[in-house]
Amino acid sequence: QVQLEESGGGSVQAGGSLRLSCAASGLTFSSYVMGWFRQAPGKEREFVALIFRTGGTAFYADSVKGRFTISRDNAKNTVYLQMNGLKPEDTAVYSCAVGKGGGPDYRYSDAYDYWGQGTQVTVSS
């Protein structure tokens, strides 16, 4: 079965950096779009970033563009989220997800089949 395990979350001060990792198993990793989403307390889950199969194309939410970078290592079945210039409003549980074949729009959570349990990111001011 498909399993996703996130790591790398933690607590940082505003302006700091974190690198999240998501290790996948039980699937042909290189065949799937991978996404990162986040959910803050009392808020809906929101799209953060996605990366296509070869890693050559990525998209970001406007709120993180220029600060976050998504990447993947298909040899290690792992997707990463490098987060720089963190802000208190980035505080959330971050989850990775495996995209469904055909999407259609990978900015929305219903385009994803499998989800990790999430890792907490807390940014203090």
N, C-alpha and C. Protein backbone atom coordinates (compact mmCIF):
# COMPACT_ATOMS: atom_id res chain seq x y z
N GLN A 1 0.83 -1.18 0.00
CA GLN A 1 0.00 0.00 0.00
C GLN A 1 0.88 1.25 0.00
N VAL A 2 0.27 2.33 -0.46
CA VAL A 2 1.01 3.58 -0.55
C VAL A 2 1.17 4.17 0.86
N GLN A 3 2.39 4.57 1.15
CA GLN A 3 2.67 5.25 2.42
C GLN A 3 3.49 6.49 2.17
N LEU A 4 3.15 7.54 2.89
CA LEU A 4 3.88 8.80 2.82
C LEU A 4 4.26 9.20 4.23
N GLU A 5 5.52 9.56 4.41
CA GLU A 5 5.98 9.94 5.74
C GLU A 5 6.72 11.27 5.66
N GLU A 6 6.12 12.28 6.27
CA GLU A 6 6.75 13.60 6.30
C GLU A 6 7.70 13.73 7.49
N SER A 7 8.69 14.57 7.33
CA SER A 7 9.60 14.88 8.41
C SER A 7 10.17 16.27 8.18
N GLY A 8 10.81 16.82 9.21
CA GLY A 8 11.49 18.10 9.07
C GLY A 8 10.76 19.28 9.66
N GLY A 9 9.56 19.07 10.16
CA GLY A 9 8.85 20.18 10.79
C GLY A 9 9.50 20.59 12.10
N GLY A 10 9.02 21.69 12.64
CA GLY A 10 9.56 22.16 13.91
C GLY A 10 9.14 23.58 14.19
N SER A 11 9.81 24.18 15.15
CA SER A 11 9.51 25.55 15.55
C SER A 11 10.68 26.45 15.21
N VAL A 12 10.40 27.56 14.55
CA VAL A 12 11.44 28.51 14.17
C VAL A 12 10.92 29.92 14.39
N GLN A 13 11.85 30.86 14.44
CA GLN A 13 11.46 32.26 14.50
C GLN A 13 11.23 32.80 13.10
N ALA A 14 10.46 33.86 13.04
CA ALA A 14 10.19 34.49 11.76
C ALA A 14 11.50 34.81 11.05
N GLY A 15 11.52 34.55 9.75
CA GLY A 15 12.72 34.74 8.96
C GLY A 15 13.58 33.51 8.83
N GLY A 16 13.27 32.51 9.62
CA GLY A 16 14.04 31.28 9.60
C GLY A 16 13.68 30.36 8.45
N SER A 17 14.33 29.20 8.44
CA SER A 17 14.14 28.23 7.36
C SER A 17 13.91 26.83 7.92
N LEU A 18 13.18 26.06 7.16
CA LEU A 18 13.00 24.64 7.42
C LEU A 18 12.97 23.91 6.10
N ARG A 19 13.36 22.65 6.13
CA ARG A 19 13.25 21.79 4.94
C ARG A 19 12.43 20.57 5.30
N LEU A 20 11.29 20.45 4.66
CA LEU A 20 10.43 19.30 4.87
C LEU A 20 10.77 18.22 3.85
N SER A 21 10.64 16.98 4.29
CA SER A 21 10.83 15.83 3.41
C SER A 21 9.59 14.95 3.47
N CYS A 22 9.33 14.29 2.38
CA CYS A 22 8.21 13.34 2.31
C CYS A 22 8.71 12.10 1.58
N ALA A 23 8.86 11.02 2.32
CA ALA A 23 9.33 9.76 1.74
C ALA A 23 8.13 8.91 1.37
N ALA A 24 8.10 8.45 0.13
CA ALA A 24 6.98 7.66 -0.37
C ALA A 24 7.40 6.22 -0.60
N SER A 25 6.45 5.32 -0.40
CA SER A 25 6.67 3.91 -0.69
C SER A 25 5.38 3.29 -1.19
N GLY A 26 5.52 2.15 -1.88
CA GLY A 26 4.34 1.44 -2.35
C GLY A 26 3.79 1.95 -3.67
N LEU A 27 4.58 2.74 -4.38
CA LEU A 27 4.14 3.26 -5.68
C LEU A 27 5.35 3.52 -6.55
N THR A 28 5.11 3.67 -7.85
CA THR A 28 6.17 4.07 -8.77
C THR A 28 6.25 5.59 -8.71
N PHE A 29 7.07 6.06 -7.81
CA PHE A 29 7.08 7.46 -7.42
C PHE A 29 7.21 8.41 -8.61
N SER A 30 8.07 8.06 -9.54
CA SER A 30 8.35 8.97 -10.66
C SER A 30 7.16 9.14 -11.60
N SER A 31 6.12 8.35 -11.42
CA SER A 31 4.95 8.42 -12.29
C SER A 31 3.91 9.42 -11.82
N TYR A 32 4.14 10.03 -10.66
CA TYR A 32 3.08 10.82 -10.04
C TYR A 32 3.49 12.26 -9.77
N VAL A 33 2.53 13.15 -9.99
CA VAL A 33 2.64 14.51 -9.47
C VAL A 33 2.61 14.44 -7.95
N MET A 34 3.41 15.26 -7.32
CA MET A 34 3.42 15.33 -5.86
C MET A 34 3.09 16.76 -5.42
N GLY A 35 2.35 16.86 -4.34
CA GLY A 35 1.96 18.17 -3.85
C GLY A 35 2.20 18.33 -2.36
N TRP A 36 2.32 19.58 -1.95
CA TRP A 36 2.34 19.93 -0.53
C TRP A 36 1.14 20.83 -0.26
N PHE A 37 0.46 20.53 0.82
CA PHE A 37 -0.66 21.34 1.29
C PHE A 37 -0.42 21.66 2.76
N ARG A 38 -1.16 22.63 3.28
CA ARG A 38 -1.05 22.94 4.69
C ARG A 38 -2.42 23.29 5.25
N GLN A 39 -2.54 23.09 6.55
CA GLN A 39 -3.79 23.43 7.22
C GLN A 39 -3.48 24.04 8.57
N ALA A 40 -3.91 25.27 8.74
CA ALA A 40 -3.76 25.97 10.00
C ALA A 40 -4.99 25.73 10.86
N PRO A 41 -4.88 25.88 12.17
CA PRO A 41 -6.03 25.66 13.04
C PRO A 41 -7.21 26.52 12.65
N GLY A 42 -8.37 25.90 12.51
CA GLY A 42 -9.59 26.64 12.19
C GLY A 42 -9.71 27.06 10.75
N LYS A 43 -8.77 26.62 9.91
CA LYS A 43 -8.81 27.02 8.50
C LYS A 43 -8.89 25.80 7.61
N GLU A 44 -9.29 26.06 6.37
CA GLU A 44 -9.35 25.00 5.37
C GLU A 44 -7.94 24.63 4.93
N ARG A 45 -7.78 23.40 4.47
CA ARG A 45 -6.51 22.99 3.90
C ARG A 45 -6.26 23.79 2.63
N GLU A 46 -5.02 24.22 2.44
CA GLU A 46 -4.71 25.04 1.28
C GLU A 46 -3.48 24.51 0.54
N PHE A 47 -3.50 24.74 -0.75
CA PHE A 47 -2.40 24.35 -1.62
C PHE A 47 -1.17 25.18 -1.31
N VAL A 48 -0.01 24.52 -1.33
CA VAL A 48 1.26 25.21 -1.15
C VAL A 48 2.11 25.13 -2.42
N ALA A 49 2.36 23.90 -2.89
CA ALA A 49 3.23 23.72 -4.05
C ALA A 49 3.00 22.35 -4.65
N LEU A 50 3.33 22.22 -5.93
CA LEU A 50 3.27 20.93 -6.58
C LEU A 50 4.42 20.81 -7.56
N ILE A 51 4.76 19.59 -7.85
CA ILE A 51 5.86 19.34 -8.78
C ILE A 51 5.49 18.18 -9.69
N PHE A 52 5.78 18.33 -10.97
CA PHE A 52 5.45 17.29 -11.93
C PHE A 52 6.49 16.18 -11.92
N ARG A 53 6.23 15.15 -12.70
CA ARG A 53 6.90 13.87 -12.55
C ARG A 53 8.42 13.93 -12.63
N THR A 54 8.93 14.67 -13.60
CA THR A 54 10.38 14.71 -13.77
C THR A 54 11.03 15.77 -12.90
N GLY A 55 10.22 16.60 -12.27
CA GLY A 55 10.75 17.67 -11.44
C GLY A 55 11.06 18.94 -12.19
N GLY A 56 10.78 18.95 -13.48
CA GLY A 56 11.11 20.12 -14.28
C GLY A 56 10.12 21.25 -14.17
N THR A 57 8.92 20.96 -13.69
CA THR A 57 7.87 21.97 -13.61
C THR A 57 7.26 21.96 -12.23
N ALA A 58 7.14 23.15 -11.66
CA ALA A 58 6.54 23.28 -10.34
C ALA A 58 5.64 24.51 -10.31
N PHE A 59 4.67 24.49 -9.43
CA PHE A 59 3.77 25.62 -9.23
C PHE A 59 3.65 25.89 -7.74
N TYR A 60 3.39 27.17 -7.42
CA TYR A 60 3.34 27.59 -6.03
C TYR A 60 2.11 28.46 -5.76
N ALA A 61 1.65 28.39 -4.54
CA ALA A 61 0.64 29.36 -4.11
C ALA A 61 1.29 30.74 -4.07
N ASP A 62 0.51 31.76 -4.36
CA ASP A 62 1.06 33.12 -4.36
C ASP A 62 1.66 33.48 -3.01
N SER A 63 1.09 32.94 -1.95
CA SER A 63 1.54 33.30 -0.60
C SER A 63 2.95 32.79 -0.27
N VAL A 64 3.43 31.81 -1.04
CA VAL A 64 4.76 31.25 -0.74
C VAL A 64 5.75 31.46 -1.88
N LYS A 65 5.28 31.97 -2.99
CA LYS A 65 6.14 32.13 -4.16
C LYS A 65 7.33 33.01 -3.82
N GLY A 66 8.51 32.55 -4.22
CA GLY A 66 9.73 33.30 -3.94
C GLY A 66 10.36 32.96 -2.61
N ARG A 67 9.62 32.26 -1.76
CA ARG A 67 10.17 31.87 -0.44
C ARG A 67 10.33 30.35 -0.31
N PHE A 68 9.42 29.61 -0.91
CA PHE A 68 9.44 28.15 -0.81
C PHE A 68 9.89 27.55 -2.15
N THR A 69 10.56 26.41 -2.06
CA THR A 69 10.97 25.68 -3.26
C THR A 69 10.65 24.20 -3.08
N ILE A 70 9.91 23.66 -4.02
CA ILE A 70 9.61 22.23 -4.02
C ILE A 70 10.58 21.54 -4.96
N SER A 71 11.02 20.34 -4.57
CA SER A 71 11.91 19.56 -5.42
C SER A 71 11.63 18.09 -5.15
N ARG A 72 12.19 17.24 -5.98
CA ARG A 72 12.00 15.81 -5.79
C ARG A 72 13.24 15.06 -6.21
N ASP A 73 13.44 13.92 -5.58
CA ASP A 73 14.52 13.01 -5.95
C ASP A 73 13.85 11.66 -6.24
N ASN A 74 13.65 11.37 -7.51
CA ASN A 74 12.94 10.15 -7.89
C ASN A 74 13.72 8.89 -7.53
N ALA A 75 15.03 9.00 -7.43
CA ALA A 75 15.83 7.84 -7.03
C ALA A 75 15.62 7.50 -5.55
N LYS A 76 15.23 8.50 -4.78
CA LYS A 76 15.02 8.29 -3.34
C LYS A 76 13.53 8.28 -2.97
N ASN A 77 12.67 8.40 -3.97
CA ASN A 77 11.22 8.41 -3.73
C ASN A 77 10.84 9.48 -2.70
N THR A 78 11.43 10.64 -2.84
CA THR A 78 11.24 11.68 -1.84
C THR A 78 10.97 13.03 -2.51
N VAL A 79 10.04 13.76 -1.92
CA VAL A 79 9.77 15.12 -2.33
C VAL A 79 10.10 16.04 -1.16
N TYR A 80 10.62 17.22 -1.48
CA TYR A 80 11.09 18.16 -0.47
C TYR A 80 10.35 19.49 -0.59
N LEU A 81 10.33 20.20 0.51
CA LEU A 81 9.84 21.57 0.50
C LEU A 81 10.81 22.41 1.32
N GLN A 82 11.60 23.21 0.62
CA GLN A 82 12.52 24.13 1.27
C GLN A 82 11.77 25.41 1.56
N MET A 83 11.71 25.79 2.81
CA MET A 83 10.95 26.97 3.22
C MET A 83 11.88 28.00 3.84
N ASN A 84 12.02 29.12 3.17
CA ASN A 84 12.86 30.20 3.63
C ASN A 84 12.00 31.43 3.95
N GLY A 85 12.53 32.32 4.72
CA GLY A 85 11.79 33.54 5.04
C GLY A 85 10.45 33.26 5.68
N LEU A 86 10.44 32.32 6.61
CA LEU A 86 9.17 31.90 7.21
C LEU A 86 8.51 33.03 7.98
N LYS A 87 7.20 33.04 7.92
CA LYS A 87 6.38 34.04 8.57
C LYS A 87 5.43 33.35 9.54
N PRO A 88 4.96 34.08 10.56
CA PRO A 88 4.00 33.46 11.49
C PRO A 88 2.77 32.87 10.78
N GLU A 89 2.35 33.49 9.69
CA GLU A 89 1.19 32.99 8.96
C GLU A 89 1.47 31.69 8.22
N ASP A 90 2.71 31.24 8.19
CA ASP A 90 3.04 29.93 7.61
C ASP A 90 2.81 28.80 8.61
N THR A 91 2.49 29.13 9.85
CA THR A 91 2.24 28.11 10.87
C THR A 91 1.07 27.24 10.47
N ALA A 92 1.31 25.92 10.40
CA ALA A 92 0.29 24.97 9.95
C ALA A 92 0.86 23.56 10.04
N VAL A 93 -0.01 22.61 9.83
CA VAL A 93 0.42 21.23 9.59
C VAL A 93 0.59 21.08 8.08
N TYR A 94 1.76 20.64 7.68
CA TYR A 94 2.09 20.48 6.27
C TYR A 94 2.03 19.00 5.91
N SER A 95 1.32 18.73 4.81
CA SER A 95 1.16 17.35 4.36
C SER A 95 1.54 17.22 2.90
N CYS A 96 2.15 16.09 2.57
CA CYS A 96 2.41 15.81 1.16
C CYS A 96 1.32 14.87 0.64
N ALA A 97 1.17 14.84 -0.68
CA ALA A 97 0.12 14.05 -1.27
C ALA A 97 0.52 13.57 -2.65
N VAL A 98 -0.05 12.45 -3.05
CA VAL A 98 0.19 11.86 -4.36
C VAL A 98 -0.94 12.22 -5.30
N GLY A 99 -0.61 12.79 -6.44
CA GLY A 99 -1.64 13.20 -7.38
C GLY A 99 -2.28 12.05 -8.13
N LYS A 100 -3.56 12.20 -8.41
CA LYS A 100 -4.27 11.24 -9.24
C LYS A 100 -3.83 11.40 -10.68
N GLY A 101 -3.85 10.30 -11.42
CA GLY A 101 -3.58 10.43 -12.83
C GLY A 101 -4.62 11.31 -13.48
N GLY A 102 -4.24 12.29 -14.22
CA GLY A 102 -5.18 13.15 -14.92
C GLY A 102 -5.72 14.32 -14.13
N GLY A 103 -5.31 14.50 -12.90
CA GLY A 103 -5.66 15.70 -12.13
C GLY A 103 -7.13 15.87 -11.86
N PRO A 104 -7.85 16.87 -12.42
CA PRO A 104 -7.31 17.69 -13.50
C PRO A 104 -6.54 18.92 -13.05
N ASP A 105 -6.85 19.42 -11.84
CA ASP A 105 -6.16 20.63 -11.40
C ASP A 105 -5.48 20.31 -10.09
N TYR A 106 -4.17 20.21 -10.11
CA TYR A 106 -3.43 19.76 -8.95
C TYR A 106 -3.28 20.83 -7.87
N ARG A 107 -3.91 21.96 -8.06
CA ARG A 107 -3.92 22.95 -6.98
C ARG A 107 -5.02 22.66 -5.98
N TYR A 108 -5.85 21.68 -6.28
CA TYR A 108 -6.96 21.35 -5.40
C TYR A 108 -6.78 19.97 -4.79
N SER A 109 -7.18 19.83 -3.55
CA SER A 109 -6.92 18.60 -2.81
C SER A 109 -7.65 17.40 -3.39
N ASP A 110 -8.75 17.61 -4.11
CA ASP A 110 -9.47 16.46 -4.68
C ASP A 110 -8.74 15.85 -5.86
N ALA A 111 -7.63 16.44 -6.28
CA ALA A 111 -6.81 15.87 -7.35
C ALA A 111 -5.76 14.92 -6.81
N TYR A 112 -5.83 14.61 -5.51
CA TYR A 112 -4.82 13.78 -4.86
C TYR A 112 -5.47 12.55 -4.23
N ASP A 113 -4.73 11.44 -4.34
CA ASP A 113 -5.25 10.16 -3.86
C ASP A 113 -4.81 9.83 -2.45
N TYR A 114 -3.54 10.03 -2.16
CA TYR A 114 -2.97 9.57 -0.91
C TYR A 114 -2.31 10.74 -0.19
N TRP A 115 -2.41 10.69 1.14
CA TRP A 115 -1.92 11.79 1.97
C TRP A 115 -1.06 11.26 3.11
N GLY A 116 -0.04 12.03 3.45
CA GLY A 116 0.72 11.74 4.65
C GLY A 116 -0.02 12.26 5.87
N GLN A 117 0.52 11.94 7.05
CA GLN A 117 -0.12 12.37 8.29
C GLN A 117 0.18 13.82 8.63
N GLY A 118 1.22 14.35 8.05
CA GLY A 118 1.53 15.76 8.26
C GLY A 118 2.62 15.99 9.28
N THR A 119 3.24 17.15 9.17
CA THR A 119 4.27 17.56 10.12
C THR A 119 4.01 19.02 10.50
N GLN A 120 4.13 19.31 11.77
CA GLN A 120 3.80 20.63 12.28
C GLN A 120 4.94 21.61 12.04
N VAL A 121 4.58 22.77 11.52
CA VAL A 121 5.51 23.88 11.37
C VAL A 121 4.96 25.06 12.17
N THR A 122 5.75 25.56 13.09
CA THR A 122 5.33 26.68 13.93
C THR A 122 6.35 27.80 13.80
N VAL A 123 5.88 28.98 13.42
CA VAL A 123 6.75 30.13 13.23
C VAL A 123 6.34 31.21 14.23
N SER A 124 7.26 31.61 15.06
CA SER A 124 6.97 32.62 16.06
C SER A 124 7.53 33.97 15.62
N SER A 125 6.86 35.01 16.06
CA SER A 125 7.27 36.37 15.66
C SER A 125 8.31 36.94 16.61
